[in-house]
Protein backbone atom coordinates (compact mmCIF):
# COMPACT_ATOMS: atom_id res chain seq x y z
CA MET A 1 53.27 107.79 76.54
CA PRO A 2 50.60 105.11 75.84
CA ALA A 3 47.99 105.04 78.58
CA SER A 4 48.33 101.23 78.74
CA ASN A 5 51.99 101.34 79.77
CA GLN A 6 52.48 103.71 82.68
CA SER A 7 55.91 102.17 83.46
CA VAL A 8 57.47 103.78 80.36
CA PRO A 9 58.80 107.22 81.40
CA THR A 10 57.93 110.39 79.56
CA TYR A 11 60.92 112.55 78.73
CA THR A 12 60.88 115.94 80.51
CA LEU A 13 63.18 118.76 81.43
CA GLY A 14 64.51 119.04 84.97
CA GLU A 15 61.43 120.92 86.15
CA GLY A 16 59.15 118.19 84.82
CA CYS A 17 57.94 119.86 81.63
CA PRO A 18 57.37 117.16 78.96
CA ILE A 19 59.31 117.56 75.69
CA ALA A 20 58.36 115.94 72.39
CA ASP A 21 61.86 115.21 71.05
CA PRO A 22 65.18 115.51 72.97
CA SER A 23 67.13 115.73 69.69
CA THR A 24 65.51 118.93 68.37
CA GLN A 25 66.38 122.60 68.82
CA GLN A 26 64.58 125.74 67.79
CA ARG A 27 65.88 128.06 65.05
CA PHE A 28 64.64 130.91 62.85
CA GLY A 29 63.42 129.70 59.47
CA ASN A 30 63.08 126.21 58.01
CA GLU A 31 65.64 126.26 55.20
CA VAL A 32 67.63 123.17 54.31
CA PRO A 33 70.55 123.27 54.80
CA ILE A 34 70.30 125.26 58.06
CA ARG A 35 70.90 128.99 57.73
CA GLY A 36 68.69 130.47 60.46
CA LEU A 37 69.94 131.56 63.90
CA MET A 38 69.24 129.48 67.02
CA LEU A 39 66.71 130.99 69.43
CA LEU A 40 67.37 132.06 73.01
CA GLN A 41 63.86 130.92 73.89
CA ASP A 42 64.86 127.26 73.33
CA THR A 43 64.89 126.17 76.95
CA GLN A 44 65.75 122.56 76.07
CA LEU A 45 68.92 123.57 74.21
CA ILE A 46 70.03 126.05 76.87
CA GLU A 47 69.37 123.67 79.77
CA THR A 48 71.14 120.81 77.99
CA LEU A 49 74.27 122.87 77.27
CA ALA A 50 74.32 124.58 80.68
CA HIS A 51 74.01 121.31 82.56
CA PHE A 52 76.74 119.69 80.48
CA SER A 53 79.18 122.44 81.46
CA ARG A 54 78.41 121.82 85.14
CA GLU A 55 78.04 118.06 85.39
CA ARG A 56 81.48 117.54 86.94
CA ILE A 57 82.08 118.21 90.61
CA PRO A 58 85.58 118.93 91.95
CA GLU A 59 87.74 115.82 91.82
CA ARG A 60 89.12 114.48 95.06
CA THR A 61 92.64 115.81 95.64
CA VAL A 62 93.63 112.26 96.58
CA HIS A 63 91.75 108.97 96.19
CA ALA A 64 90.16 110.21 92.95
CA ALA A 65 90.13 106.93 91.00
CA ALA A 66 87.97 104.26 92.59
CA VAL A 67 85.69 101.28 92.31
CA GLY A 68 82.76 100.72 94.65
CA ALA A 69 79.80 98.57 95.58
CA TRP A 70 77.09 97.95 98.18
CA GLY A 71 77.14 95.22 100.77
CA GLU A 72 76.39 94.22 104.34
CA LEU A 73 78.18 93.73 107.64
CA GLU A 74 77.05 90.74 109.72
CA VAL A 75 77.96 90.23 113.38
CA THR A 76 79.53 86.77 113.87
CA HIS A 77 80.65 86.86 117.52
CA ASP A 78 79.53 88.11 120.92
CA ASN A 79 81.19 91.52 121.10
CA SER A 80 79.38 92.89 124.14
CA TRP A 81 82.56 92.65 126.22
CA LEU A 82 84.28 94.99 123.81
CA THR A 83 81.88 97.73 122.69
CA SER A 84 78.37 99.06 123.24
CA ALA A 85 77.98 99.89 119.53
CA LYS A 86 74.61 98.37 118.60
CA TYR A 87 75.59 97.44 115.06
CA LEU A 88 78.32 95.15 116.45
CA ASN A 89 76.13 93.45 119.03
CA GLY A 90 73.81 90.52 118.44
CA ILE A 91 75.10 87.54 116.46
CA GLY A 92 73.50 87.56 113.03
CA LYS A 93 72.72 91.28 113.05
CA LYS A 94 73.20 92.87 109.62
CA SER A 95 73.84 96.47 108.54
CA LYS A 96 73.87 97.97 105.05
CA VAL A 97 77.31 99.07 103.80
CA LEU A 98 78.66 101.31 101.03
CA TRP A 99 82.28 100.53 100.08
CA ARG A 100 84.77 102.45 97.94
CA LEU A 101 88.30 101.25 97.09
CA SER A 102 90.64 103.82 95.53
CA THR A 103 94.19 104.49 94.49
CA VAL A 104 95.67 107.53 96.24
CA GLY A 105 97.81 109.60 93.88
CA PRO A 106 96.45 109.16 90.33
CA GLU A 107 93.59 111.14 88.87
CA ARG A 108 90.22 109.76 87.74
CA GLY A 109 90.60 107.70 84.60
CA SER A 110 94.04 106.42 85.51
CA ALA A 111 94.93 102.74 85.21
CA ASP A 112 93.74 100.48 88.02
CA THR A 113 97.00 98.51 88.16
CA VAL A 114 99.40 101.24 89.28
CA ARG A 115 101.68 100.67 92.26
CA ASP A 116 100.00 102.64 95.00
CA VAL A 117 98.36 102.37 98.38
CA ARG A 118 94.62 101.64 98.13
CA GLY A 119 92.21 103.64 100.24
CA TRP A 120 89.43 101.63 101.90
CA GLY A 121 86.33 103.79 102.41
CA MET A 122 83.41 102.08 104.11
CA LYS A 123 80.11 103.49 105.41
CA VAL A 124 78.03 101.32 107.73
CA PHE A 125 74.40 102.48 108.00
CA THR A 126 73.41 101.75 111.61
CA GLU A 127 70.43 102.47 113.87
CA GLU A 128 72.62 104.92 115.80
CA GLY A 129 73.84 106.81 112.74
CA ASN A 130 76.57 106.22 110.19
CA GLN A 131 79.88 104.58 111.06
CA ASP A 132 82.67 105.34 108.59
CA PHE A 133 85.92 103.44 108.21
CA VAL A 134 88.60 105.32 106.25
CA PHE A 135 91.37 102.74 106.08
CA ASN A 136 94.17 101.62 103.74
CA ASP A 137 95.21 98.28 102.27
CA ILE A 138 98.54 98.44 104.13
CA PRO A 139 98.71 98.46 107.95
CA VAL A 140 101.11 101.39 108.31
CA PHE A 141 101.50 104.84 106.77
CA PHE A 142 104.37 106.96 105.43
CA ILE A 143 104.21 109.68 108.09
CA ARG A 144 103.06 110.20 111.68
CA ASP A 145 103.02 114.01 111.75
CA PRO A 146 99.87 115.50 110.17
CA ILE A 147 101.71 118.66 109.11
CA LYS A 148 103.41 116.45 106.47
CA PHE A 149 100.13 115.10 105.08
CA PRO A 150 99.82 117.53 102.14
CA SER A 151 103.53 117.12 101.32
CA VAL A 152 103.59 113.32 101.21
CA ASN A 153 100.61 113.32 98.86
CA ARG A 154 102.08 116.03 96.61
CA SER A 155 105.34 114.08 96.34
CA HIS A 156 103.37 111.10 95.01
CA LYS A 157 101.61 113.16 92.34
CA ARG A 158 102.95 115.50 89.61
CA LEU A 159 105.80 117.97 89.30
CA PRO A 160 104.56 121.58 89.53
CA ASP A 161 106.35 122.60 86.32
CA ARG A 162 106.28 119.62 83.96
CA ASN A 163 103.03 118.15 85.33
CA VAL A 164 104.39 114.58 85.25
CA PRO A 165 105.14 112.11 88.07
CA SER A 166 108.76 112.12 89.25
CA SER A 167 110.81 109.39 90.91
CA SER A 168 113.23 112.05 92.09
CA MET A 169 110.45 113.95 93.85
CA PHE A 170 109.02 110.76 95.36
CA TRP A 171 112.30 109.47 96.75
CA ASP A 172 113.53 112.92 97.75
CA PHE A 173 110.57 113.22 100.11
CA HIS A 174 110.98 109.75 101.57
CA THR A 175 114.75 109.94 102.09
CA GLN A 176 114.16 113.13 104.07
CA ASN A 177 111.25 111.61 106.04
CA GLN A 178 112.44 108.09 106.72
CA GLU A 179 109.85 107.19 109.36
CA GLY A 180 107.82 105.73 106.46
CA ILE A 181 110.34 103.00 105.63
CA HIS A 182 108.02 100.16 106.69
CA ALA A 183 105.21 101.47 104.46
CA LEU A 184 107.68 101.76 101.56
CA MET A 185 108.81 98.16 102.04
CA ILE A 186 105.21 96.94 101.80
CA LEU A 187 104.35 99.21 98.87
CA PHE A 188 107.27 97.92 96.77
CA SER A 189 106.69 94.29 97.67
CA GLU A 190 104.33 92.22 95.54
CA ARG A 191 101.49 93.52 97.74
CA GLY A 192 101.96 96.99 96.24
CA ILE A 193 99.80 96.09 93.22
CA PRO A 194 96.83 93.88 94.14
CA ASN A 195 95.75 91.15 91.75
CA SER A 196 92.20 92.33 92.32
CA VAL A 197 90.37 94.49 94.85
CA ARG A 198 88.83 91.26 96.12
CA GLU A 199 92.27 89.99 97.13
CA LEU A 200 93.50 92.66 99.51
CA ASN A 201 93.03 93.51 103.18
CA GLY A 202 91.82 96.68 104.86
CA TYR A 203 93.59 98.16 107.89
CA SER A 204 92.63 100.99 110.22
CA GLY A 205 96.28 102.04 110.54
CA SER A 206 95.30 104.49 113.25
CA THR A 207 94.43 103.39 116.77
CA TYR A 208 90.81 103.72 117.86
CA LYS A 209 88.85 103.05 121.03
CA PHE A 210 85.99 100.63 121.51
CA THR A 211 83.97 101.98 124.44
CA LYS A 212 81.20 100.69 126.70
CA ASP A 213 78.32 102.45 128.42
CA ASP A 214 80.03 102.16 131.80
CA GLY A 215 82.89 104.40 130.59
CA THR A 216 85.47 101.64 130.17
CA PHE A 217 87.32 101.19 126.89
CA ASN A 218 90.08 99.35 125.07
CA TYR A 219 92.37 100.52 122.29
CA VAL A 220 91.88 98.66 119.01
CA LYS A 221 93.32 98.33 115.55
CA ILE A 222 90.82 97.05 113.00
CA HIS A 223 91.58 94.61 110.17
CA PHE A 224 89.45 93.36 107.30
CA LYS A 225 90.99 90.07 106.16
CA SER A 226 90.10 88.96 102.63
CA ASN A 227 88.36 85.59 102.51
CA GLN A 228 89.58 85.28 98.92
CA GLY A 229 93.18 85.40 100.12
CA VAL A 230 95.70 88.17 99.47
CA LYS A 231 97.42 88.13 96.09
CA GLY A 232 99.67 90.67 94.43
CA MET A 233 100.56 91.33 90.81
CA ASP A 234 104.05 91.66 89.34
CA ARG A 235 104.94 94.97 87.71
CA GLN A 236 105.30 93.47 84.22
CA ARG A 237 101.73 92.18 84.16
CA ALA A 238 100.49 95.39 85.78
CA ALA A 239 102.13 97.49 83.06
CA LYS A 240 100.64 95.28 80.35
CA LEU A 241 97.14 95.56 81.82
CA ALA A 242 97.51 99.33 82.26
CA GLY A 243 97.75 99.58 78.48
CA GLU A 244 95.38 96.80 77.43
CA ASP A 245 92.73 96.89 80.16
CA PRO A 246 93.20 99.97 82.36
CA ASN A 247 89.89 99.26 84.14
CA TYR A 248 90.90 95.71 85.04
CA HIS A 249 90.13 95.93 88.77
CA SER A 250 86.84 97.74 88.18
CA ASN A 251 85.66 95.16 85.67
CA ASP A 252 86.78 92.26 87.85
CA LEU A 253 84.75 93.41 90.85
CA TRP A 254 81.66 94.25 88.79
CA ASN A 255 81.70 90.90 87.01
CA ALA A 256 82.22 88.96 90.24
CA ILE A 257 79.25 90.62 91.96
CA ASP A 258 77.11 90.45 88.82
CA SER A 259 77.69 86.69 88.59
CA GLY A 260 76.85 86.12 92.27
CA ASP A 261 80.45 85.50 93.34
CA PHE A 262 80.22 87.90 96.28
CA PRO A 263 83.61 88.78 97.82
CA SER A 264 83.83 88.88 101.60
CA TRP A 265 86.16 89.87 104.41
CA THR A 266 86.44 88.88 108.07
CA MET A 267 86.42 91.91 110.36
CA CYS A 268 88.96 91.42 113.14
CA VAL A 269 90.36 93.55 115.95
CA GLN A 270 93.54 93.70 117.93
CA VAL A 271 92.68 94.71 121.48
CA MET A 272 94.99 96.53 123.91
CA SER A 273 94.06 97.65 127.41
CA PRO A 274 94.87 101.19 128.60
CA GLU A 275 97.36 99.72 131.06
CA GLN A 276 99.16 97.79 128.31
CA ALA A 277 99.27 100.92 126.16
CA GLN A 278 101.28 102.87 128.70
CA THR A 279 104.19 100.43 128.71
CA TYR A 280 104.06 98.92 125.21
CA ARG A 281 107.21 98.59 123.12
CA TRP A 282 105.99 101.07 120.48
CA ASN A 283 103.96 104.25 120.66
CA ILE A 284 100.42 103.06 119.95
CA PHE A 285 99.53 106.48 118.48
CA ASP A 286 102.26 106.23 115.81
CA MET A 287 100.66 105.37 112.45
CA THR A 288 104.02 104.12 111.10
CA LYS A 289 103.99 101.17 113.54
CA VAL A 290 102.01 97.93 113.70
CA TRP A 291 101.09 95.87 116.75
CA PRO A 292 102.68 92.46 116.07
CA HIS A 293 100.09 89.69 116.09
CA ASP A 294 102.18 87.67 118.55
CA ASP A 295 101.56 90.44 121.09
CA PHE A 296 97.94 91.18 120.17
CA PRO A 297 96.27 88.38 118.17
CA LEU A 298 93.49 89.07 115.69
CA GLN A 299 90.03 88.44 117.10
CA PRO A 300 87.17 88.02 114.57
CA ILE A 301 83.99 89.97 115.27
CA ALA A 302 82.01 90.26 112.00
CA LYS A 303 81.82 89.42 108.31
CA PHE A 304 81.66 91.99 105.50
CA THR A 305 80.24 90.99 102.10
CA LEU A 306 79.82 92.91 98.84
CA ASN A 307 76.62 91.83 97.08
CA LYS A 308 75.29 94.68 94.90
CA ASN A 309 76.84 96.79 92.16
CA PRO A 310 76.05 100.52 92.12
CA ASP A 311 72.93 101.58 90.25
CA ASN A 312 74.80 104.66 89.03
CA TYR A 313 78.49 105.30 89.65
CA PHE A 314 78.25 109.07 90.07
CA SER A 315 75.23 108.95 92.36
CA ASP A 316 76.42 106.06 94.53
CA ILE A 317 80.23 106.17 94.49
CA GLU A 318 81.52 109.52 93.25
CA GLN A 319 79.27 111.47 95.63
CA ALA A 320 80.08 109.20 98.58
CA ALA A 321 81.83 110.98 101.44
CA PHE A 322 83.74 109.17 104.18
CA SER A 323 85.34 110.61 107.30
CA PRO A 324 87.06 109.08 110.34
CA SER A 325 85.09 111.62 112.39
CA THR A 326 81.82 109.82 111.57
CA MET A 327 81.41 107.56 114.59
CA VAL A 328 78.58 105.99 116.57
CA PRO A 329 78.40 105.45 120.35
CA GLY A 330 80.76 102.65 121.32
CA PHE A 331 83.47 103.85 118.94
CA ALA A 332 85.83 106.76 119.67
CA PRO A 333 89.10 108.33 118.52
CA SER A 334 92.45 107.98 120.23
CA LEU A 335 95.22 110.55 120.59
CA ASP A 336 96.74 109.44 117.27
CA PRO A 337 97.80 112.81 115.74
CA MET A 338 97.19 111.65 112.16
CA LEU A 339 93.69 110.52 113.10
CA GLN A 340 92.96 113.80 114.87
CA ALA A 341 93.96 115.81 111.78
CA ARG A 342 92.10 113.54 109.37
CA MET A 343 88.93 113.98 111.41
CA PHE A 344 88.94 117.59 110.18
CA ALA A 345 90.42 117.16 106.71
CA TYR A 346 87.99 114.56 105.35
CA PRO A 347 84.64 116.25 106.07
CA ASP A 348 86.16 119.57 105.02
CA ALA A 349 87.01 118.02 101.63
CA ALA A 350 83.42 116.74 101.36
CA ARG A 351 82.02 120.20 102.06
CA TYR A 352 84.22 121.60 99.29
CA ARG A 353 83.36 118.90 96.74
CA LEU A 354 79.69 118.34 97.48
CA GLY A 355 78.44 121.28 99.54
CA VAL A 356 77.63 121.75 103.19
CA ASN A 357 74.62 119.42 103.03
CA TYR A 358 76.49 116.44 101.58
CA GLN A 359 75.12 114.17 104.33
CA GLN A 360 71.66 114.43 102.75
CA LEU A 361 72.69 112.82 99.46
CA PRO A 362 71.19 109.32 99.12
CA CYS A 363 74.57 107.56 99.23
CA ASN A 364 75.48 109.34 102.49
CA ARG A 365 72.07 109.73 104.14
CA PRO A 366 71.74 107.81 107.44
CA VAL A 367 69.03 105.23 107.96
CA ALA A 368 68.82 106.45 111.57
CA PRO A 369 66.55 109.43 112.32
CA VAL A 370 68.31 112.79 111.98
CA TYR A 371 67.40 115.87 114.01
CA SER A 372 70.11 118.53 113.73
CA PRO A 373 68.37 121.94 113.73
CA TYR A 374 71.62 123.77 114.52
CA GLU A 375 73.01 122.72 111.12
CA ARG A 376 70.57 124.05 108.57
CA ASP A 377 70.20 126.19 105.44
CA GLY A 378 73.10 126.20 102.95
CA ALA A 379 73.18 125.21 99.30
CA MET A 380 71.21 122.16 98.15
CA ARG A 381 69.17 121.68 101.29
CA HIS A 382 67.12 118.58 100.45
CA ALA A 383 64.81 118.14 103.44
CA THR A 384 62.25 120.28 105.29
CA ASN A 385 64.98 122.30 107.01
CA TYR A 386 63.23 121.70 110.38
CA GLY A 387 60.43 124.12 109.61
CA GLY A 388 60.05 126.66 112.41
CA ASP A 389 61.98 124.69 115.06
CA PRO A 390 64.42 126.84 117.06
CA ASN A 391 67.85 127.10 115.45
CA TYR A 392 69.67 128.02 118.67
CA ILE A 393 70.67 125.91 121.65
CA ARG A 394 68.78 125.61 124.98
CA SER A 395 65.52 126.89 123.58
CA THR A 396 62.43 126.35 125.74
CA LEU A 397 60.11 126.51 122.74
CA LYS A 398 60.53 122.85 121.70
CA GLU A 399 61.24 119.76 123.77
CA VAL A 400 64.29 117.79 122.57
CA ASN A 401 65.86 114.60 123.94
CA PHE A 402 69.62 114.35 124.43
CA ALA A 403 71.93 111.34 124.45
CA GLY A 404 72.81 111.66 128.14
CA LYS A 405 76.10 110.75 129.76
CA LEU A 406 77.70 109.39 126.62
CA GLY A 407 77.94 111.81 123.72
CA SER A 408 77.38 111.10 120.05
CA GLN A 409 80.87 109.64 119.67
CA GLY A 410 80.95 107.64 122.87
CA PHE A 411 83.14 110.01 124.89
CA SER A 412 82.99 109.20 128.58
CA THR A 413 82.67 112.11 130.99
CA GLY A 414 84.61 110.30 133.71
CA CYS A 415 87.72 109.07 131.91
CA ASP A 416 91.05 110.88 132.19
CA HIS A 417 93.29 108.19 130.68
CA ASP A 418 94.24 110.41 127.74
CA ASN A 419 96.09 112.73 130.11
CA TRP A 420 98.99 110.26 130.44
CA ALA A 421 100.14 111.03 126.92
CA GLY A 422 101.55 114.43 127.92
CA GLN A 423 100.85 118.13 127.87
CA THR A 424 100.44 120.40 124.87
CA ALA A 425 103.71 121.18 123.06
CA ALA A 426 105.02 121.97 119.58
CA PHE A 427 107.06 119.14 118.10
CA THR A 428 108.40 117.46 115.00
CA SER A 429 109.08 113.76 115.41
CA GLU A 430 112.63 112.60 114.77
CA VAL A 431 113.65 109.48 112.86
CA THR A 432 115.62 106.96 114.95
CA ASP A 433 116.93 103.42 114.44
CA ASP A 434 113.73 102.23 116.08
CA ASP A 435 111.79 103.32 112.99
CA PHE A 436 113.66 100.66 110.98
CA VAL A 437 113.01 97.69 113.28
CA GLN A 438 109.62 96.74 111.81
CA ALA A 439 110.90 97.26 108.25
CA THR A 440 113.75 94.84 109.05
CA MET A 441 111.22 92.36 110.41
CA PHE A 442 109.26 92.67 107.15
CA TRP A 443 112.45 92.06 105.08
CA GLU A 444 113.25 88.96 107.11
CA MET A 445 109.65 87.72 106.73
CA LEU A 446 109.93 88.09 102.95
CA GLY A 447 113.07 85.95 103.07
CA LYS A 448 110.94 83.01 104.21
CA GLN A 449 108.82 83.25 101.04
CA PRO A 450 110.60 82.15 97.85
CA GLY A 451 111.28 85.00 95.43
CA GLN A 452 109.72 87.77 97.54
CA GLN A 453 112.95 89.54 98.53
CA GLU A 454 114.06 89.44 94.90
CA ALA A 455 110.71 90.87 93.79
CA LEU A 456 111.00 93.74 96.28
CA VAL A 457 114.52 94.55 95.07
CA GLY A 458 113.44 94.42 91.43
CA ASN A 459 110.47 96.70 92.05
CA LEU A 460 112.61 99.20 93.94
CA VAL A 461 115.38 99.22 91.34
CA ALA A 462 112.84 99.81 88.56
CA ASP A 463 111.43 102.84 90.38
CA ILE A 464 114.56 104.32 92.00
CA GLY A 465 116.33 104.12 88.64
CA GLY A 466 114.15 106.97 87.39
CA ALA A 467 115.50 109.37 90.02
CA ILE A 468 118.55 111.60 89.63
CA PRO A 469 121.85 110.03 90.86
CA ARG A 470 121.99 112.02 94.10
CA ILE A 471 118.51 110.89 95.09
CA GLN A 472 119.31 107.30 94.07
CA ALA A 473 122.28 107.27 96.43
CA ALA A 474 120.27 108.72 99.32
CA THR A 475 117.52 106.17 98.75
CA VAL A 476 119.95 103.24 98.76
CA ASP A 477 121.48 104.54 102.01
CA MET A 478 118.00 104.62 103.55
CA PHE A 479 117.23 101.01 102.62
CA ALA A 480 120.67 99.90 103.79
CA ARG A 481 119.54 100.90 107.28
CA VAL A 482 116.85 98.22 106.96
CA HIS A 483 119.41 95.51 106.16
CA LYS A 484 122.88 95.57 104.64
CA ASP A 485 121.90 92.83 102.17
CA LEU A 486 119.03 94.98 100.89
CA GLY A 487 121.34 97.96 100.44
CA LYS A 488 123.88 95.87 98.53
CA ALA A 489 121.23 94.32 96.29
CA LEU A 490 119.91 97.78 95.39
CA ARG A 491 123.37 99.13 94.64
CA ASP A 492 124.17 96.13 92.44
CA GLY A 493 120.84 96.35 90.65
CA LEU A 494 121.12 100.09 89.93
CA ALA A 495 124.73 99.69 88.76
CA LYS A 496 123.70 96.92 86.39
CA ASN A 497 120.91 99.08 84.95
CA THR A 498 123.32 101.95 84.19
CA LYS A 499 125.79 99.84 82.22
């Protein structure tokens, strides 16, 4: 490297040893054409080949295909009445954010414009530690029992024998687990394929708690409402783009941010008191149900903006790890069974993909100070590993401060409200007519928007038509429970397609 230009890097191997030419390899002899054997002493060749064979980490089982960016969360309202979380208090306060938006079922490299739920992963870097939001772009989910979580995802992926997606498998699962009818209605409406990732909303789905230092709390559902508006894409255009521009959503977001057209969302909450929760019309811990806005209006609290593309996709986005268990004081889980199970499943997946020290990677590393000497060692330890500090609890050899009355996730020591939900018992939830009420409300809402009911029917017919006849019939019967007109339209549409 010329001494006059220290900014130009010198090529080295991973250990820092400079190499004259990255395109050369060592061999025995100098004949042309090459006849001599390659040499085992060629560290550059061996390191290059060995790293290439190991440069892929395990792919996410779900949410593998994604786009992501950096941004910020800015407090826009006085939220002190609602939560003690410092990052949400103080109008104008800003926090750095990492955001990842993914499809659920398809593998990496799949087309962006498939009909699928989008996963909304968001990491807020706060002075009290990281706050993760692991949401979806629809407000409800397909199941409420966590034991079904692996099954619902498998049914949306590939057949074990043929290794191809299957409409029969998809609809077989959902006709036998009909509590997800509301989520299905939304998925097969025009919202099921977003026009862009800038034109969709994010929803917590699960119920959380916003807590205060005095031990009081409210239940909340969190919404991120797109300031670009919400716009879907019809299946014909989506199929065309899947062939012509399979990275359409990825390119759209990158180009928007690169040109300074920064997309933004308004962070809102629905707030329910513990007293209201005990007598509310629907079980607030059921992830297949929404809280109608007429009952619990949206209240804006902050603004989220994306303003920086990743410097490197693998480093910033692929290695990002999000978990609903990552919470700061002022934010706490509810008794939602899906949330409780996901609080284990997500960090466990990160440990498998990235190793036990995944929190130390730059894209996951908190901006808040970290002192966790009881979690140390393990593969890829990147920091000092706490030197000689005691690695066991209640040691008298080093003074350590503790959070006090409120723990790291804002749990109050004096609150027994959770006890009202019942005692421990084994159960499987049953599907009742009540599970179809909100789906019927959604169908009737679509009827007020020209062409939306017809679009839903067309999307369903196109997908159900790929299933075997027995599954088609069961699926039509399920949708007929939503509304007789919907059932008839599906029957007529499927019959027309078979002629």
